[in-house]
Amino acid sequence: MRINARLDDEYAEKLAYIQQQTNQAVTDVIKSALELYYQQLQQQQKNPFSMLSQTGFIGCAEADPDLSVNYKSILRHGLKAKYDYR
């Protein structure tokens, strides 16, 4: 596929800088930029469950069913039981 694009001065300078630093042709710079952008979009589309599954972060535990509502009192009770030496 052939691409014809118009770049303003700012982007033309950025392209020239990238070419100078990498010694790549315009085609290769565009291919690299597209690949990076594509990978970024792919990462954003992963849902939280799949991301947690891949990292191994998902586990299991036993707790009260209303833990999310009463976590402060449950934590306070647990800490008191742990550190109360009487």
Protein backbone atom coordinates (compact mmCIF):
# COMPACT_ATOMS: atom_id res chain seq x y z
CA MET A 1 0.00 0.00 0.00
CA ARG A 2 1.24 3.46 -0.83
CA ILE A 3 0.63 6.26 1.66
CA ASN A 4 0.64 9.94 0.82
CA ALA A 5 0.66 12.15 3.92
CA ARG A 6 1.08 15.83 4.56
CA LEU A 7 3.10 16.77 7.62
CA ASP A 8 3.33 20.21 9.15
CA ASP A 9 6.77 21.58 10.03
CA GLU A 10 6.71 20.17 13.56
CA TYR A 11 6.07 16.60 12.43
CA ALA A 12 8.48 16.93 9.50
CA GLU A 13 11.20 17.90 11.97
CA LYS A 14 10.32 14.99 14.23
CA LEU A 15 10.45 12.59 11.29
CA ALA A 16 13.81 13.98 10.19
CA TYR A 17 15.14 13.64 13.74
CA ILE A 18 14.01 10.01 13.97
CA GLN A 19 15.60 9.26 10.60
CA GLN A 20 18.83 10.90 11.68
CA GLN A 21 18.97 9.02 14.98
CA THR A 22 18.02 5.62 13.56
CA ASN A 23 19.34 5.75 9.99
CA GLN A 24 15.97 4.39 8.83
CA ALA A 25 14.03 5.20 5.70
CA VAL A 26 10.68 6.96 6.03
CA THR A 27 8.90 3.68 5.27
CA ASP A 28 10.68 1.90 8.13
CA VAL A 29 9.99 4.75 10.56
CA ILE A 30 6.29 4.63 9.71
CA LYS A 31 6.21 0.84 10.04
CA SER A 32 7.86 1.06 13.47
CA ALA A 33 5.47 3.80 14.60
CA LEU A 34 2.46 1.81 13.43
CA GLU A 35 3.69 -1.32 15.21
CA LEU A 36 4.18 0.55 18.48
CA TYR A 37 0.77 2.19 18.23
CA TYR A 38 -0.87 -1.13 17.37
CA GLN A 39 0.73 -2.85 20.38
CA GLN A 40 -0.39 0.00 22.65
CA LEU A 41 -3.98 -0.33 21.46
CA GLN A 42 -3.89 -4.10 21.90
CA GLN A 43 -2.75 -3.68 25.51
CA GLN A 44 -5.56 -1.23 26.24
CA GLN A 45 -8.19 -3.65 24.95
CA LYS A 46 -7.33 -6.38 27.42
CA ASN A 47 -9.92 -6.60 30.14
CA PRO A 48 -8.87 -6.39 33.80
CA PHE A 49 -9.58 -10.08 34.45
CA SER A 50 -7.27 -11.27 31.67
CA MET A 51 -4.54 -8.86 32.78
CA LEU A 52 -4.74 -10.11 36.37
CA SER A 53 -4.83 -13.72 35.21
CA GLN A 54 -1.67 -13.28 33.14
CA THR A 55 0.22 -11.74 36.06
CA GLY A 56 -0.87 -14.44 38.48
CA PHE A 57 -2.33 -11.81 40.79
CA ILE A 58 -5.66 -13.60 41.25
CA GLY A 59 -5.93 -15.72 44.35
CA CYS A 60 -8.50 -16.78 46.89
CA ALA A 61 -9.15 -16.13 50.53
CA GLU A 62 -11.77 -16.72 53.17
CA ALA A 63 -13.53 -13.72 54.69
CA ASP A 64 -16.91 -12.44 55.76
CA PRO A 65 -19.34 -11.94 52.89
CA ASP A 66 -19.75 -8.29 53.86
CA LEU A 67 -16.02 -7.57 54.05
CA SER A 68 -16.19 -4.69 51.59
CA VAL A 69 -18.72 -2.91 53.79
CA ASN A 70 -17.36 -3.74 57.26
CA TYR A 71 -13.64 -4.01 56.55
CA LYS A 72 -12.67 -1.40 59.16
CA SER A 73 -14.37 -3.12 62.08
CA ILE A 74 -13.16 -6.54 60.90
CA LEU A 75 -9.59 -5.27 60.62
CA ARG A 76 -9.81 -3.55 64.02
CA HIS A 77 -11.11 -6.77 65.61
CA GLY A 78 -8.37 -8.84 63.99
CA LEU A 79 -5.61 -6.47 65.05
CA LYS A 80 -6.97 -6.29 68.60
CA ALA A 81 -7.03 -10.08 68.82
CA LYS A 82 -3.51 -10.28 67.47
CA TYR A 83 -1.95 -7.67 69.74
CA ASP A 84 -4.06 -7.99 72.90
CA TYR A 85 -1.91 -10.01 75.33
CA ARG A 86 -4.37 -10.21 78.20
